[in-house]
Protein backbone atom coordinates (compact mmCIF):
# COMPACT_ATOMS: atom_id res chain seq x y z
CA MET A 1 -51.99 74.88 84.72
CA THR A 2 -49.57 72.91 85.66
CA GLU A 3 -46.16 71.67 83.27
CA ALA A 4 -46.66 68.13 82.01
CA SER A 5 -44.54 66.03 84.46
CA GLU A 6 -41.75 64.24 82.58
CA GLY A 7 -42.72 61.22 81.02
CA SER A 8 -46.26 62.38 80.21
CA PRO A 9 -47.94 62.58 77.11
CA ARG A 10 -47.60 66.12 75.67
CA PRO A 11 -50.63 68.54 74.86
CA ALA A 12 -51.72 68.38 71.28
CA GLY A 13 -51.09 71.41 69.33
CA PRO A 14 -53.60 72.96 66.92
CA GLN A 15 -55.83 70.15 64.84
CA GLY A 16 -54.36 67.36 67.26
CA THR A 17 -50.68 67.55 65.87
CA PRO A 18 -48.00 66.89 68.68
CA ALA A 19 -46.48 70.18 69.73
CA SER A 20 -43.05 71.65 69.45
CA GLY A 21 -40.21 69.23 69.44
CA THR A 22 -42.54 66.01 68.33
CA GLN A 23 -43.88 68.21 65.53
CA ARG A 24 -40.77 69.10 63.76
CA GLU A 25 -39.59 64.78 64.37
CA LEU A 26 -42.63 64.08 62.50
CA ALA A 27 -43.12 66.78 59.91
CA PRO A 28 -42.87 65.40 55.99
CA GLN A 29 -38.83 66.03 55.10
CA PRO A 30 -38.31 67.57 51.70
CA PRO A 31 -36.92 65.09 49.00
CA HIS A 32 -33.46 64.99 49.01
CA GLU A 33 -31.87 66.68 45.96
CA PRO A 34 -29.57 64.74 43.65
CA VAL A 35 -25.98 65.89 43.30
CA PRO A 36 -26.16 68.18 39.92
CA ARG A 37 -23.82 66.01 37.61
CA THR A 38 -21.69 69.00 36.68
CA GLN A 39 -20.36 69.20 40.69
CA ARG A 40 -20.08 65.35 40.64
CA VAL A 41 -17.80 65.83 37.65
CA SER A 42 -16.14 68.67 39.56
CA ALA A 43 -15.50 66.92 42.37
CA VAL A 44 -13.97 63.88 40.58
CA GLY A 45 -11.64 66.58 38.54
CA ARG A 46 -10.28 67.62 42.03
CA GLN A 47 -9.33 63.97 43.27
CA LEU A 48 -7.68 63.42 39.92
CA ALA A 49 -5.89 66.68 39.67
CA GLY A 50 -4.21 65.59 43.25
CA ILE A 51 -3.70 62.13 42.51
CA ALA A 52 -2.50 62.50 38.95
CA PRO A 53 0.94 64.09 40.02
CA ALA A 54 1.58 61.43 42.89
CA ALA A 55 1.07 58.87 39.93
CA LEU A 56 3.32 61.25 37.65
CA GLY A 57 5.68 61.24 40.13
CA VAL A 58 5.59 57.37 40.75
CA GLY A 59 6.37 56.85 37.29
CA TRP A 60 9.01 59.33 37.01
CA ALA A 61 11.05 57.79 39.55
CA PHE A 62 10.55 54.46 37.79
CA LEU A 63 11.37 55.99 34.83
CA VAL A 64 14.97 57.15 36.23
CA HIS A 65 15.60 54.10 37.83
CA GLN A 66 15.58 52.41 34.71
CA GLY A 67 17.23 54.83 32.49
CA ALA A 68 19.89 56.50 34.93
CA GLY A 69 21.12 53.58 36.73
CA PRO A 70 23.77 51.46 35.59
CA ASP A 71 23.05 49.18 32.82
CA LEU A 72 22.89 45.89 34.55
CA ALA A 73 20.62 44.26 31.49
CA GLY A 74 23.78 41.96 30.07
CA GLU A 75 24.67 40.50 33.64
CA GLY A 76 22.10 37.97 34.20
CA SER A 77 19.64 40.38 35.82
CA SER A 78 15.66 40.77 35.80
CA TRP A 79 13.79 43.01 33.79
CA LEU A 80 13.44 45.30 36.64
CA ALA A 81 17.28 46.12 36.58
CA PRO A 82 18.08 49.24 35.36
CA ARG A 83 19.45 49.78 31.70
CA GLY A 84 21.13 53.13 31.80
CA PHE A 85 19.50 54.31 28.58
CA LEU A 86 19.32 57.81 29.77
CA HIS A 87 23.44 58.56 30.40
CA GLY A 88 23.65 59.46 26.60
CA PRO A 89 20.80 62.16 26.85
CA LEU A 90 22.29 63.75 30.14
CA ALA A 91 25.81 63.37 29.36
CA ASP A 92 25.39 66.92 27.67
CA PHE A 93 24.41 68.65 31.31
CA GLY A 94 28.39 68.38 31.56
CA HIS A 95 28.89 67.61 35.32
CA PRO A 96 27.13 64.67 36.96
CA LEU A 97 25.58 66.60 39.52
CA THR A 98 24.14 69.02 37.46
CA ALA A 99 22.42 66.07 35.08
CA ALA A 100 21.20 64.50 38.53
CA ALA A 101 19.71 67.92 39.81
CA ALA A 102 18.22 68.32 36.23
CA VAL A 103 16.23 64.98 36.67
CA THR A 104 15.33 65.39 40.48
CA VAL A 105 13.80 68.82 39.67
CA PRO A 106 10.57 67.51 37.91
CA ALA A 107 9.89 65.12 41.07
CA ILE A 108 9.93 67.73 43.06
CA CYS A 109 7.69 69.50 41.45
CA LEU A 110 5.16 66.61 41.07
CA ALA A 111 5.43 66.43 44.93
CA VAL A 112 5.04 70.18 45.26
CA ALA A 113 1.77 69.86 42.92
CA ALA A 114 0.43 66.94 44.98
CA LEU A 115 0.95 68.40 48.11
CA PHE A 116 -1.17 71.73 47.34
CA ALA A 117 -3.66 69.75 45.16
CA SER A 118 -4.70 66.65 46.85
CA ARG A 119 -6.29 66.76 50.09
CA SER A 120 -5.49 62.40 50.41
CA SER A 121 -2.78 61.94 52.93
CA LEU A 122 -1.40 58.80 50.82
CA ALA A 123 -0.80 60.92 47.74
CA ARG A 124 1.14 63.16 49.49
CA THR A 125 3.04 60.37 51.15
CA LEU A 126 3.90 59.03 47.25
CA ALA A 127 4.65 61.76 45.59
CA LEU A 128 7.19 63.02 48.48
CA SER A 129 8.57 59.47 48.47
CA ALA A 130 9.04 59.51 44.67
CA ALA A 131 10.65 62.80 44.57
CA VAL A 132 13.06 61.00 47.31
CA ALA A 133 13.76 58.06 45.59
CA THR A 134 14.44 60.01 41.81
CA GLY A 135 16.85 61.80 43.94
CA CYS A 136 18.70 58.77 45.07
CA PHE A 137 18.45 57.09 41.61
CA ALA A 138 20.02 60.03 40.05
CA PHE A 139 22.66 60.69 42.41
CA TYR A 140 23.67 56.97 42.91
CA GLY A 141 23.05 56.37 38.95
CA LEU A 142 25.23 59.19 37.37
CA THR A 143 27.76 60.17 40.08
CA PHE A 144 28.38 57.02 42.16
CA ASN A 145 27.20 53.91 41.01
CA LEU A 146 29.68 51.76 42.66
CA PRO A 147 27.32 50.31 45.25
CA TRP A 148 24.71 49.84 42.70
CA ARG A 149 26.76 47.57 40.64
CA PHE A 150 28.13 45.73 43.39
CA PHE A 151 24.60 45.30 45.38
CA ALA A 152 22.46 45.22 42.14
CA TRP A 153 18.86 44.63 42.81
CA ARG A 154 19.83 45.22 46.74
CA TRP A 155 20.69 48.31 46.30
CA SER A 156 17.64 49.70 44.42
CA GLY A 157 15.59 47.83 47.16
CA THR A 158 17.56 49.96 49.77
CA MET A 159 16.96 53.10 48.10
CA SER A 160 13.52 52.70 47.29
CA VAL A 161 12.64 51.66 51.28
CA PHE A 162 14.55 54.56 52.63
CA ALA A 163 12.59 56.77 50.27
CA LEU A 164 9.25 55.72 51.41
CA ILE A 165 11.03 55.64 55.19
CA ALA A 166 11.51 59.32 54.43
CA GLY A 167 8.31 60.10 52.42
CA GLY A 168 6.02 58.34 55.32
CA ALA A 169 8.02 60.44 57.96
CA GLY A 170 7.74 64.05 56.30
CA SER A 171 4.21 63.40 55.55
CA ALA A 172 3.63 62.11 59.59
CA VAL A 173 1.76 65.28 59.81
CA TRP A 174 -1.00 64.65 56.85
CA LEU A 175 -1.31 60.79 57.36
CA THR A 176 -1.90 61.28 61.69
CA ARG A 177 -4.65 64.10 60.51
CA SER A 178 -6.45 61.24 58.45
CA TRP A 179 -5.71 58.60 61.09
CA ARG A 180 -7.47 60.90 63.31
CA HIS A 181 -10.94 60.86 61.37
CA HIS A 182 -11.37 57.04 61.49
CA GLY A 183 -13.18 55.41 64.99
CA TRP A 184 -10.54 53.44 67.61
CA PRO A 185 -10.92 50.09 65.83
CA LEU A 186 -10.04 51.28 62.25
CA ARG A 187 -7.16 53.37 64.23
CA VAL A 188 -5.56 50.23 65.80
CA ALA A 189 -5.96 48.19 62.51
CA LEU A 190 -4.41 50.75 60.96
CA TYR A 191 -1.58 51.48 63.08
CA PHE A 192 -0.54 48.24 64.85
CA PRO A 193 1.12 46.95 61.59
CA VAL A 194 3.17 50.44 60.84
CA PHE A 195 4.08 49.94 64.44
CA ALA A 196 5.41 46.11 64.52
CA GLY A 197 6.91 46.54 61.12
CA LEU A 198 9.00 49.71 62.29
CA ILE A 199 10.35 47.71 65.19
CA ALA A 200 11.12 44.84 63.30
CA PHE A 201 12.45 46.60 60.81
CA GLU A 202 14.88 49.05 63.27
CA ARG A 203 15.92 46.17 65.23
CA SER A 204 17.12 44.07 62.50
CA VAL A 205 19.63 46.91 61.70
CA THR A 206 22.65 44.84 61.23
CA GLY A 207 24.02 44.26 57.83
CA THR A 208 26.39 41.62 58.18
CA ASN A 209 24.18 38.89 59.01
CA GLN A 210 22.51 37.10 56.10
CA SER A 211 20.26 35.43 57.60
CA LEU A 212 18.26 38.77 58.37
CA PRO A 213 15.65 39.36 55.64
CA PHE A 214 15.56 43.07 56.58
CA GLY A 215 18.90 43.75 55.89
CA MET A 216 18.47 44.68 52.32
CA SER A 217 22.24 45.49 51.77
CA PRO A 218 25.45 44.31 53.70
CA TRP A 219 25.49 48.11 55.16
CA PRO A 220 21.80 48.78 56.56
CA ALA A 221 21.16 52.02 54.71
CA ALA A 222 17.57 52.07 55.07
CA GLN A 223 17.38 51.39 59.07
CA VAL A 224 20.72 53.75 59.73
CA LEU A 225 20.13 56.59 57.81
CA GLY A 226 16.30 56.33 57.39
CA LEU A 227 14.83 55.51 60.56
CA GLU A 228 17.91 56.40 63.03
CA THR A 229 18.67 59.80 61.03
CA VAL A 230 15.83 61.01 59.09
CA ALA A 231 12.70 59.63 60.68
CA THR A 232 13.88 60.21 63.89
CA GLY A 233 15.14 64.00 63.39
CA ILE A 234 11.90 64.29 61.88
CA ALA A 235 10.11 62.85 64.97
CA PHE A 236 12.25 65.54 67.18
CA VAL A 237 11.45 68.24 64.97
CA LEU A 238 7.37 67.62 65.07
CA LEU A 239 7.85 67.71 68.87
CA GLY A 240 10.05 71.15 68.98
CA VAL A 241 7.04 72.41 66.47
CA SER A 242 4.16 71.35 68.83
CA GLU A 243 5.75 72.56 71.87
CA GLY A 244 6.37 75.96 70.05
CA LEU A 245 2.68 76.43 68.54
CA TRP A 246 1.35 75.61 71.99
CA SER A 247 3.80 78.60 73.76
CA PHE A 248 1.96 80.57 70.96
CA SER A 249 -1.16 79.58 71.40
CA ARG A 250 -0.71 81.28 75.35
CA LEU A 251 1.02 84.74 73.47
CA PRO A 252 -0.33 87.69 75.79
CA ARG A 253 -2.34 90.36 73.59
CA THR A 254 -0.70 93.17 75.10
CA ALA A 255 2.95 94.09 76.80
CA GLY A 256 5.70 91.23 76.49
CA ARG A 257 4.70 90.14 73.10
CA TYR A 258 7.76 90.02 71.88
CA GLY A 259 9.34 88.55 74.82
CA ALA A 260 6.69 85.76 74.78
CA ILE A 261 7.62 84.78 70.88
CA ALA A 262 11.11 84.60 71.87
CA VAL A 263 10.27 82.20 74.59
CA GLY A 264 7.84 80.03 72.00
CA LEU A 265 10.83 79.97 70.04
CA ALA A 266 13.53 78.93 72.17
CA VAL A 267 11.04 76.15 73.65
CA ALA A 268 10.84 74.78 69.99
CA VAL A 269 14.69 74.32 69.48
CA ALA A 270 14.89 73.37 73.10
CA PHE A 271 12.96 70.15 73.42
CA PRO A 272 14.27 68.34 69.85
CA SER A 273 17.73 69.86 71.19
CA ILE A 274 17.51 67.65 74.22
CA ALA A 275 15.89 64.54 72.87
CA LEU A 276 18.69 64.42 70.23
CA GLY A 277 21.41 64.75 72.90
CA VAL A 278 19.79 62.44 74.90
CA SER A 279 19.34 60.15 72.62
CA ALA A 280 22.75 60.08 70.98
CA GLY A 281 24.21 59.87 75.04
CA GLN A 282 22.67 56.74 75.44
CA GLY A 283 23.57 55.10 71.93
CA LEU A 284 20.67 55.02 70.59
CA LEU A 285 21.68 56.89 67.23
CA PRO A 286 24.57 56.60 64.64
CA PHE A 287 26.26 59.85 65.37
CA ARG A 288 27.11 62.20 68.15
CA ALA A 289 24.97 64.85 68.89
CA GLY A 290 27.55 67.73 67.93
CA PRO A 291 26.83 71.45 67.15
CA GLN A 292 26.38 70.89 63.51
CA ALA A 293 23.65 68.65 64.30
CA LEU A 294 22.13 70.81 66.95
CA TRP A 295 22.32 73.83 64.30
CA LEU A 296 20.59 71.54 61.49
CA LEU A 297 17.84 70.38 63.76
CA ALA A 298 17.44 73.77 65.26
CA LEU A 299 17.09 75.28 61.70
CA ALA A 300 14.48 72.51 60.48
CA THR A 301 12.32 73.30 63.42
CA LEU A 302 12.13 76.87 63.04
CA ALA A 303 11.29 76.63 59.07
CA THR A 304 8.35 74.17 60.18
CA LEU A 305 7.37 76.25 62.88
CA VAL A 306 6.90 79.31 60.92
CA PHE A 307 5.24 77.70 58.08
CA ALA A 308 2.90 75.45 60.47
CA SER A 309 1.85 78.85 62.34
CA LEU A 310 1.56 81.74 59.53
CA ARG A 311 -2.31 81.25 58.82
CA LEU A 312 -3.18 80.85 62.40
CA TRP A 313 -1.32 83.85 63.55
CA GLY A 314 -3.37 85.29 66.43
CA GLN A 315 -5.81 82.45 66.52
CA PRO A 316 -5.05 80.74 69.87
CA ALA A 317 -7.60 78.16 69.49
CA GLY A 318 -6.14 77.03 66.06
CA LEU A 319 -2.23 77.31 67.25
CA SER A 320 -3.01 74.79 70.16
CA GLN A 321 -5.39 72.81 67.95
CA ARG A 322 -2.48 72.08 65.72
CA SER A 323 -0.37 71.74 68.84
CA ARG A 324 -1.92 68.82 69.46
CA LEU A 325 -1.92 67.46 66.07
CA PHE A 326 1.85 67.83 65.52
CA GLY A 327 2.48 66.15 69.06
CA LEU A 328 0.41 63.48 68.04
CA SER A 329 2.28 63.17 65.18
CA ALA A 330 5.44 63.09 66.65
CA LEU A 331 4.42 60.77 69.63
CA LEU A 332 3.22 58.12 66.87
CA LEU A 333 6.18 58.44 64.85
CA GLY A 334 8.85 58.56 67.41
CA THR A 335 7.72 55.67 69.80
CA PRO A 336 8.22 52.89 67.92
CA LEU A 337 11.75 54.27 66.45
CA ILE A 338 12.97 55.06 69.91
CA LEU A 339 11.80 51.55 71.11
CA GLY A 340 13.08 49.76 68.46
CA GLN A 341 16.53 51.43 69.07
CA THR A 342 16.34 50.76 72.91
CA LEU A 343 15.70 46.90 71.87
CA THR A 344 18.54 47.23 69.31
CA ARG A 345 21.23 48.69 72.42
CA TRP A 346 19.71 46.28 74.41
CA ASP A 347 20.12 43.32 72.04
CA TYR A 348 23.82 44.54 71.71
CA ALA A 349 24.82 44.58 75.61
CA VAL A 350 23.09 41.58 76.29
CA THR A 351 25.11 39.61 73.25
CA ARG A 352 28.10 41.38 73.70
CA ASN A 353 28.87 41.60 77.38
CA ASP A 354 26.45 38.65 78.91
CA ARG A 355 26.08 35.86 76.32
CA ALA A 356 29.52 36.02 74.44
CA GLN A 357 31.04 36.54 78.07
CA GLN A 358 29.65 32.87 79.14
CA VAL A 359 31.25 31.40 75.79
CA ILE A 360 34.46 33.24 76.28
CA ASP A 361 34.84 32.31 80.53
CA ALA A 362 33.96 28.63 79.38
CA LEU A 363 36.68 28.87 76.87
CA ALA A 364 39.17 29.94 79.30
CA GLU A 365 38.34 27.14 81.96
CA HIS A 366 38.90 24.87 79.07
CA TYR A 367 42.12 26.14 77.88
CA GLN A 368 43.40 25.66 81.56
CA ALA A 369 42.19 22.22 81.96
CA GLU A 370 43.37 21.01 78.36
CA GLU A 371 46.31 23.86 77.30
CA ILE A 372 44.43 24.21 73.97
CA TYR A 373 41.01 25.43 72.97
CA PRO A 374 38.18 22.93 71.51
CA ASP A 375 37.51 22.67 68.03
CA ALA A 376 33.69 23.36 68.04
CA LEU A 377 31.54 25.12 70.83
CA GLU A 378 29.77 22.07 70.97
CA GLU A 379 32.05 20.51 73.12
CA LEU A 380 31.71 22.99 76.15
CA VAL A 381 28.51 21.34 76.33
CA ALA A 382 29.89 18.13 76.46
CA SER A 383 32.28 18.69 79.41
CA ARG A 384 29.41 20.58 81.17
CA ARG A 385 31.20 23.70 81.01
CA LEU A 386 27.54 25.38 79.34
CA ALA A 387 24.42 24.17 79.79
CA SER A 388 23.94 25.18 76.02
CA VAL A 389 25.75 27.39 73.47
CA PRO A 390 23.96 30.67 73.73
CA VAL A 391 23.02 32.47 70.57
CA PRO A 392 23.38 35.94 69.75
CA ARG A 393 20.28 38.12 70.75
CA ILE A 394 20.02 40.46 67.35
CA GLY A 395 16.56 40.70 66.20
CA PHE A 396 13.30 38.98 66.96
CA ALA A 397 13.77 35.11 67.03
CA PRO A 398 11.06 34.48 64.27
CA PHE A 399 13.74 36.55 62.01
CA SER A 400 16.93 35.65 63.15
CA ASP A 401 18.63 32.07 63.37
CA GLY A 402 22.36 33.57 63.56
CA ASP A 403 25.02 32.17 65.72
CA PHE A 404 28.49 32.94 67.48
CA VAL A 405 30.94 31.99 64.62
CA TYR A 406 33.53 30.49 66.35
CA GLN A 407 37.46 29.38 64.86
CA ASN A 408 39.86 27.58 66.82
CA PHE A 409 43.92 28.37 66.26
CA GLY A 410 44.77 25.56 69.05
CA THR A 411 46.18 28.27 71.74
CA SER A 412 43.98 31.15 70.11
CA TYR A 413 40.67 31.69 68.73
CA LEU A 414 38.41 33.94 67.00
CA LEU A 415 34.64 34.28 68.26
CA GLU A 416 32.55 36.42 66.35
CA PHE A 417 28.32 37.83 65.88
CA SER A 418 27.02 40.24 64.00
CA ALA A 419 26.07 43.53 65.70
CA PRO A 420 24.09 46.30 64.93
CA ARG A 421 25.20 49.02 62.36
CA TRP A 422 27.29 47.00 60.02
CA ILE A 423 29.86 45.93 62.72
CA GLN A 424 31.16 42.47 63.04
CA CYS A 425 32.11 42.23 66.77
CA THR A 426 35.35 39.75 67.29
CA TYR A 427 36.86 39.04 70.31
CA ASN A 428 40.24 37.40 71.03
CA PRO A 429 41.55 35.69 73.87
CA PRO A 430 45.10 37.13 75.74
CA TYR A 431 48.03 34.93 73.98
CA SER A 432 49.21 32.24 75.72
CA ASP A 433 53.46 33.72 76.22
CA GLU A 434 52.30 37.03 77.12
CA GLU A 435 54.25 36.13 80.42
CA GLU A 436 57.38 36.08 78.52
CA PHE A 437 56.68 39.42 76.78
CA GLU A 438 56.33 40.73 80.48
CA GLU A 439 59.43 39.50 81.42
CA GLU A 440 61.26 40.96 78.21
CA ASP A 441 59.99 44.29 77.99
CA GLY A 442 58.65 44.78 81.57
CA GLU A 443 54.96 45.59 80.52
CA GLU A 444 51.55 44.15 81.85
CA PRO A 445 50.55 41.81 79.35
CA LEU A 446 47.34 42.64 77.32
CA GLY A 447 44.08 40.86 78.43
CA GLY A 448 41.59 39.73 75.86
CA ALA A 449 40.12 42.17 73.04
CA TRP A 450 37.23 43.12 71.43
CA SER A 451 36.84 44.96 68.20
CA CYS A 452 33.85 46.36 69.04
CA PRO A 453 33.22 48.97 71.96
CA SER A 454 30.88 47.98 74.73
CA ASN A 455 27.95 50.26 73.81
CA PRO A 456 26.49 50.25 70.18
CA PRO A 457 29.54 52.47 68.15
CA GLU A 458 28.61 55.40 66.32
CA LEU A 459 29.62 55.33 62.52
CA TRP A 460 29.78 59.58 62.05
């Protein structure tokens, strides 16, 4: 007998029933047994056990905000302003830092409980953010409340946004793991608002332009400290851990094992150090990549690498899979941050070195012809020295309507614009009587001077 060709009817089995796979497909399936009530209650209990610490952490952060902050109730503020009712009870702790630490410890414990009890990435993010917010509220309320009194609700918002940035960046691996479980349409729908929001928020990193709604306070602490320092540092750490886990997954099982471990540790430290050095060297970060920053980054990378590889040691497949997870987390977190910082640096360079220079050249031409500077920049357009008055390029156009600030002093002037990182760039032209100083002192006359450097300045 020959085998039935593909597409021909299958031979019937005993008693006329189809054979093999078809028989299994048509066989009646046993009825679906309902999940016992005790199991359903247990599943709900596990979910509540994970969500409860996060909810309690958020509630504790709000309580500390209201009680540890300076009493602003009598200054015409809203009900959301702090009342300072914890200052009296916390005075028994003696030093304000001790009291701040005592208030923050419960929030840290709740965050740890949420990390271990919950499988929800959002619950973990909220718990971690609440712990960071509690620490900020306690520190600035009990030890140094001048910014809070000065900025009022803006400082509350700044600390809250910083805490959300730190909590979200610290939970990047868990958020990425949850994000990968969805289909691509939902992945794009979830990530694109975060991607665009981070770029818009980072690009509005100036604290002196009041027309930028993302400037929570006159000092852009949320962007400079949250995005450019904490979140970017965490992205670099995740990158190093990813490379370290990948190296560990290739460890030899025989000779040279310890040497390979050393190589893996070196690779894990090298990648974030190089990324930090290049980013700081290009002016993307508000600080210099000195030894202290590199040491701190290396220690954070090694500690995270050890924690991430403990339960998977000796399992190449598991280490490789976790390496991809950490690498994807670094990519999703770091891409909008680096892109936003690149756009910010580009804005600064174009505004200071191109658009402002157009105005400066037109003002110099006007002075040579009229021996006095104009009262307003629009006169340069009327005299056709400028086609139109340029505007600073800081932030996206829908969120920024700032112009160059021009002040005329007859034979001198000030030209200003709001720059990134709390810098108000100011230009002064050469003094009209510099030739007299040159004749008296024999020195070269000074040209025009900027108050800000050609690249975005380092804050520390």
